[in-house]
Amino acid sequence: MAGFDRSLKTTFGSVSQLYDSSRPNYPSELGDDVLTLSRIKDGGKILDVGCGSGKATVLFGGRGYDIMGIDISEEMIHIAEKNYFGFPDIRYVVGSFEENNFGDQLFDLIISAQAWHWVDPDVGYLIADKLLKNDGSLALFWNFQEYKKSRFLQDLQKIFVNNCPKYPLGNDTQQTEKRIERSGLFTAYSKTEYCWELDFSFNGYLNLMGSFSWVNDLAEGTKENVLEEVGKLLQSEKDPIRIPYRSTLLMVKKK
């Protein structure tokens, strides 16, 4: 089963506005669970890896924590700073998690939302272990559209499989779980899932498709043809279209 092609992580800057306007947020319950399971104290330091436009970072803003978001996309960071300027406890940095010099900073909690699959697994867990304080926590979470629950999504997946060479079949959470265990750096993980639904207008859903890395990576012309196929598929559905989602949270503690 092919996972995410990490070369696609550089595609988001060119669709940063589309990404910010079309990507869904994360369940507030998930954010609450991260804080409860991590047992982070008031004033604790949080690092958000691959923060993008700040959709996950803001779950933890305004709660008395010192938060840093880091992302390789300058465009994404600009949007995050603009969207959440009202949160003085959050600061954003352009850079790579694997290559950034964090100096002597240590964190109580490292989070990564919809982004850990872009981190080099050969060094990502080692860096997280180095940056976490004793008993610090690593929280990894994703939003997934529930293909098995929707005929529309199953037909959509066929379009991607047939037209998008870098479309990731399945998801990387199972691989992530194995890598966590193999690293030997963390306690046994906990896994929590949240099921929910979200309504999209046809145009809103097309915008969402355009923000996906495996679509945005296509050559001009091919990309438009794929989105046209998706548009035709949408015409057979009722507007707005209801999409079933599942959010998955993996939590571990530093040994």
Protein backbone atom coordinates (compact mmCIF):
# COMPACT_ATOMS: atom_id res chain seq x y z
CA MET A 1 0.00 0.00 0.00
CA ALA A 2 1.60 3.26 -1.14
CA GLY A 3 1.77 6.06 1.39
CA PHE A 4 2.43 9.75 0.98
CA ASP A 5 5.21 10.84 -1.37
CA ARG A 6 7.16 13.25 0.84
CA SER A 7 8.32 15.23 -2.20
CA LEU A 8 4.78 16.66 -2.32
CA LYS A 9 5.27 18.60 0.92
CA THR A 10 6.50 21.61 -1.08
CA THR A 11 3.26 21.93 -3.09
CA PHE A 12 1.17 23.76 -0.50
CA GLY A 13 2.67 27.24 -0.80
CA SER A 14 1.14 27.71 -4.25
CA VAL A 15 -2.35 26.87 -2.92
CA SER A 16 -2.03 28.37 0.55
CA GLN A 17 -5.15 30.54 0.32
CA LEU A 18 -7.17 27.65 -1.11
CA TYR A 19 -5.87 25.35 1.64
CA ASP A 20 -6.81 27.77 4.40
CA SER A 21 -10.30 28.45 3.08
CA SER A 22 -11.25 24.87 2.18
CA ARG A 23 -9.59 22.53 4.69
CA PRO A 24 -11.77 21.57 7.68
CA ASN A 25 -10.81 22.30 11.26
CA TYR A 26 -10.29 19.63 13.91
CA PRO A 27 -12.80 18.53 16.57
CA SER A 28 -12.48 20.64 19.71
CA GLU A 29 -12.85 17.42 21.70
CA LEU A 30 -9.61 16.21 20.13
CA GLY A 31 -7.76 19.29 21.33
CA ASP A 32 -9.15 18.85 24.83
CA ASP A 33 -8.06 15.20 24.86
CA VAL A 34 -4.52 16.11 23.80
CA LEU A 35 -4.21 18.47 26.77
CA THR A 36 -5.74 15.97 29.19
CA LEU A 37 -3.60 13.02 28.05
CA SER A 38 -0.40 15.07 27.94
CA ARG A 39 -1.05 16.47 31.43
CA ILE A 40 0.65 19.67 30.31
CA LYS A 41 0.82 22.34 33.01
CA ASP A 42 -0.11 26.01 32.77
CA GLY A 43 2.60 27.90 30.94
CA GLY A 44 3.85 24.75 29.22
CA LYS A 45 5.60 24.98 25.86
CA ILE A 46 3.99 23.49 22.72
CA LEU A 47 5.56 23.00 19.29
CA ASP A 48 3.26 22.54 16.26
CA VAL A 49 5.16 20.74 13.47
CA GLY A 50 3.93 21.51 9.95
CA CYS A 51 1.47 24.05 11.32
CA GLY A 52 0.32 25.25 7.88
CA SER A 53 -2.18 28.09 8.24
CA GLY A 54 -2.63 27.41 11.96
CA LYS A 55 -5.85 25.40 11.93
CA ALA A 56 -4.61 23.04 14.65
CA THR A 57 -2.41 25.52 16.51
CA VAL A 58 -5.42 27.61 17.41
CA LEU A 59 -6.98 24.66 19.29
CA PHE A 60 -4.42 25.35 22.00
CA GLY A 61 -4.21 29.13 21.80
CA GLY A 62 -5.55 31.37 24.56
CA ARG A 63 -5.19 28.64 27.19
CA GLY A 64 -2.07 29.84 28.94
CA TYR A 65 0.56 27.95 26.93
CA ASP A 66 3.65 29.17 25.07
CA ILE A 67 3.16 27.95 21.50
CA MET A 68 5.43 27.86 18.45
CA GLY A 69 4.22 26.81 15.00
CA ILE A 70 6.77 25.83 12.35
CA ASP A 71 6.21 25.21 8.63
CA ILE A 72 8.39 25.16 5.51
CA SER A 73 5.91 27.35 3.60
CA GLU A 74 6.38 31.08 4.00
CA GLU A 75 2.95 31.58 2.39
CA MET A 76 1.28 29.37 4.98
CA ILE A 77 3.02 31.10 7.88
CA HIS A 78 1.93 34.50 6.55
CA ILE A 79 -1.70 33.35 6.58
CA ALA A 80 -1.36 31.88 10.07
CA GLU A 81 0.06 35.13 11.42
CA LYS A 82 -2.74 37.10 9.79
CA ASN A 83 -5.53 34.77 10.92
CA TYR A 84 -4.43 34.46 14.52
CA PHE A 85 -2.79 37.77 15.33
CA GLY A 86 -5.17 37.97 18.32
CA PHE A 87 -3.31 35.13 20.05
CA PRO A 88 -0.18 36.66 21.60
CA ASP A 89 0.77 33.27 23.05
CA ILE A 90 1.34 31.83 19.54
CA ARG A 91 4.34 32.64 17.36
CA TYR A 92 5.10 31.22 13.92
CA VAL A 93 8.42 30.35 12.32
CA VAL A 94 9.31 29.49 8.72
CA GLY A 95 11.55 26.45 8.68
CA SER A 96 11.97 22.69 8.54
CA PHE A 97 11.44 20.60 11.66
CA GLU A 98 14.31 18.32 10.62
CA GLU A 99 16.76 21.16 9.88
CA ASN A 100 15.73 23.99 12.22
CA ASN A 101 18.05 24.97 15.06
CA PHE A 102 15.81 25.15 18.12
CA GLY A 103 18.76 26.10 20.32
CA ASP A 104 18.26 25.07 23.93
CA GLN A 105 14.45 25.13 23.69
CA LEU A 106 12.60 22.15 25.11
CA PHE A 107 8.88 21.48 24.83
CA ASP A 108 6.27 19.86 27.04
CA LEU A 109 4.17 18.86 24.04
CA ILE A 110 4.85 18.42 20.33
CA ILE A 111 1.81 18.25 18.05
CA SER A 112 1.54 17.62 14.33
CA ALA A 113 -1.80 17.83 12.52
CA GLN A 114 -2.13 16.45 8.99
CA ALA A 115 1.63 16.82 8.64
CA TRP A 116 3.69 14.13 10.37
CA HIS A 117 3.66 12.01 7.20
CA TRP A 118 5.80 14.75 5.60
CA VAL A 119 8.49 14.40 8.29
CA ASP A 120 11.46 12.14 7.49
CA PRO A 121 10.81 9.07 9.68
CA ASP A 122 14.54 8.29 9.90
CA VAL A 123 15.13 11.41 12.00
CA GLY A 124 11.70 12.73 13.03
CA TYR A 125 11.29 10.61 16.16
CA LEU A 126 14.89 11.24 17.23
CA ILE A 127 14.39 15.00 16.95
CA ALA A 128 11.06 14.83 18.81
CA ASP A 129 12.73 12.86 21.61
CA LYS A 130 15.55 15.41 21.79
CA LEU A 131 13.18 18.39 21.92
CA LEU A 132 10.76 16.99 24.49
CA LYS A 133 11.21 17.54 28.19
CA ASN A 134 11.22 14.52 30.47
CA ASP A 135 7.72 13.01 30.40
CA GLY A 136 6.85 15.25 27.43
CA SER A 137 4.21 14.11 24.92
CA LEU A 138 3.98 13.70 21.16
CA ALA A 139 0.47 14.08 19.67
CA LEU A 140 -0.09 13.20 16.01
CA PHE A 141 -3.49 13.62 14.40
CA TRP A 142 -5.21 13.64 11.02
CA ASN A 143 -8.60 14.21 9.41
CA PHE A 144 -9.64 11.48 6.97
CA GLN A 145 -12.62 11.34 4.67
CA GLU A 146 -14.39 8.03 5.32
CA TYR A 147 -14.34 6.41 1.88
CA LYS A 148 -15.93 3.18 3.10
CA LYS A 149 -19.01 5.06 4.29
CA SER A 150 -19.82 6.88 1.04
CA ARG A 151 -20.47 5.68 -2.50
CA PHE A 152 -19.59 9.17 -3.72
CA LEU A 153 -16.18 9.00 -2.03
CA GLN A 154 -15.53 5.55 -3.48
CA ASP A 155 -16.24 6.89 -6.97
CA LEU A 156 -14.04 9.89 -6.22
CA GLN A 157 -11.20 7.60 -5.17
CA LYS A 158 -11.39 5.84 -8.54
CA ILE A 159 -10.81 9.19 -10.26
CA PHE A 160 -7.70 9.78 -8.15
CA VAL A 161 -6.35 6.25 -8.62
CA ASN A 162 -6.79 6.47 -12.40
CA ASN A 163 -5.41 9.98 -12.86
CA CYS A 164 -3.10 10.91 -9.99
CA PRO A 165 0.19 8.93 -9.95
CA LYS A 166 1.07 10.17 -6.44
CA TYR A 167 -2.31 9.54 -4.86
CA PRO A 168 -1.70 7.76 -1.51
CA LEU A 169 -3.73 4.58 -1.22
CA GLY A 170 -4.82 4.15 2.38
CA ASN A 171 -3.28 6.29 5.12
CA ASP A 172 -0.02 6.34 7.01
CA THR A 173 -1.33 5.95 10.57
CA GLN A 174 -0.64 2.22 10.76
CA GLN A 175 2.89 2.80 9.47
CA THR A 176 3.29 5.60 12.00
CA GLU A 177 2.23 3.30 14.83
CA LYS A 178 4.87 0.75 13.78
CA ARG A 179 7.57 3.42 13.55
CA ILE A 180 6.71 4.74 17.02
CA GLU A 181 7.12 1.25 18.45
CA ARG A 182 10.36 0.57 16.55
CA SER A 183 11.93 3.85 17.70
CA GLY A 184 11.97 2.61 21.29
CA LEU A 185 11.85 6.23 22.44
CA PHE A 186 8.27 6.46 23.65
CA THR A 187 5.81 4.68 25.90
CA ALA A 188 2.99 2.60 24.41
CA TYR A 189 0.73 4.90 22.43
CA SER A 190 -2.95 5.61 22.87
CA LYS A 191 -5.21 5.85 19.83
CA THR A 192 -8.49 7.76 19.80
CA GLU A 193 -10.86 8.26 16.87
CA TYR A 194 -13.61 10.85 16.37
CA CYS A 195 -16.37 10.41 13.78
CA TRP A 196 -18.20 13.46 12.43
CA GLU A 197 -19.71 14.90 9.25
CA LEU A 198 -19.27 18.14 7.34
CA ASP A 199 -21.40 19.76 4.63
CA PHE A 200 -19.71 21.29 1.57
CA SER A 201 -21.13 23.30 -1.28
CA PHE A 202 -20.12 21.95 -4.68
CA ASN A 203 -17.65 24.81 -5.20
CA GLY A 204 -16.32 24.40 -1.67
CA TYR A 205 -15.65 20.74 -2.24
CA LEU A 206 -13.93 21.40 -5.56
CA ASN A 207 -11.71 23.91 -3.77
CA LEU A 208 -10.88 21.24 -1.21
CA MET A 209 -9.84 18.87 -4.00
CA GLY A 210 -7.61 21.56 -5.49
CA SER A 211 -5.76 21.85 -2.17
CA PHE A 212 -4.72 18.19 -2.15
CA SER A 213 -1.04 17.67 -2.89
CA TRP A 214 -1.55 14.80 -5.35
CA VAL A 215 -3.94 16.96 -7.39
CA ASN A 216 -1.91 20.16 -7.18
CA ASP A 217 1.18 18.27 -8.35
CA LEU A 218 -0.43 17.36 -11.67
CA ALA A 219 0.57 19.11 -14.88
CA GLU A 220 -1.65 21.96 -16.03
CA GLY A 221 -4.37 20.52 -18.20
CA THR A 222 -4.35 17.18 -16.40
CA LYS A 223 -5.22 18.93 -13.16
CA GLU A 224 -8.11 20.78 -14.78
CA ASN A 225 -9.37 17.53 -16.35
CA VAL A 226 -9.35 15.77 -12.97
CA LEU A 227 -11.24 18.60 -11.29
CA GLU A 228 -13.71 18.58 -14.19
CA GLU A 229 -14.32 14.87 -13.59
CA VAL A 230 -14.87 15.56 -9.90
CA GLY A 231 -17.30 18.33 -10.83
CA LYS A 232 -19.31 15.95 -13.01
CA LEU A 233 -19.42 13.44 -10.16
CA LEU A 234 -20.67 16.14 -7.81
CA GLN A 235 -23.57 16.91 -10.17
CA SER A 236 -25.04 13.50 -9.32
CA GLU A 237 -25.19 14.48 -5.64
CA LYS A 238 -27.34 16.85 -3.62
CA ASP A 239 -25.89 20.29 -2.91
CA PRO A 240 -24.61 20.69 -0.20
CA ILE A 241 -22.84 17.36 -0.08
CA ARG A 242 -22.33 15.75 3.32
CA ILE A 243 -18.91 14.14 3.81
CA PRO A 244 -18.23 11.65 6.63
CA TYR A 245 -14.96 12.28 8.45
CA ARG A 246 -12.83 10.41 10.96
CA SER A 247 -10.13 12.14 12.98
CA THR A 248 -7.40 9.91 14.40
CA LEU A 249 -5.22 10.91 17.35
CA LEU A 250 -2.03 9.04 18.31
CA MET A 251 -0.48 10.03 21.64
CA VAL A 252 2.82 8.89 23.17
CA LYS A 253 5.00 9.93 26.11
CA LYS A 254 8.75 10.28 26.08
CA LYS A 255 10.40 7.49 28.08
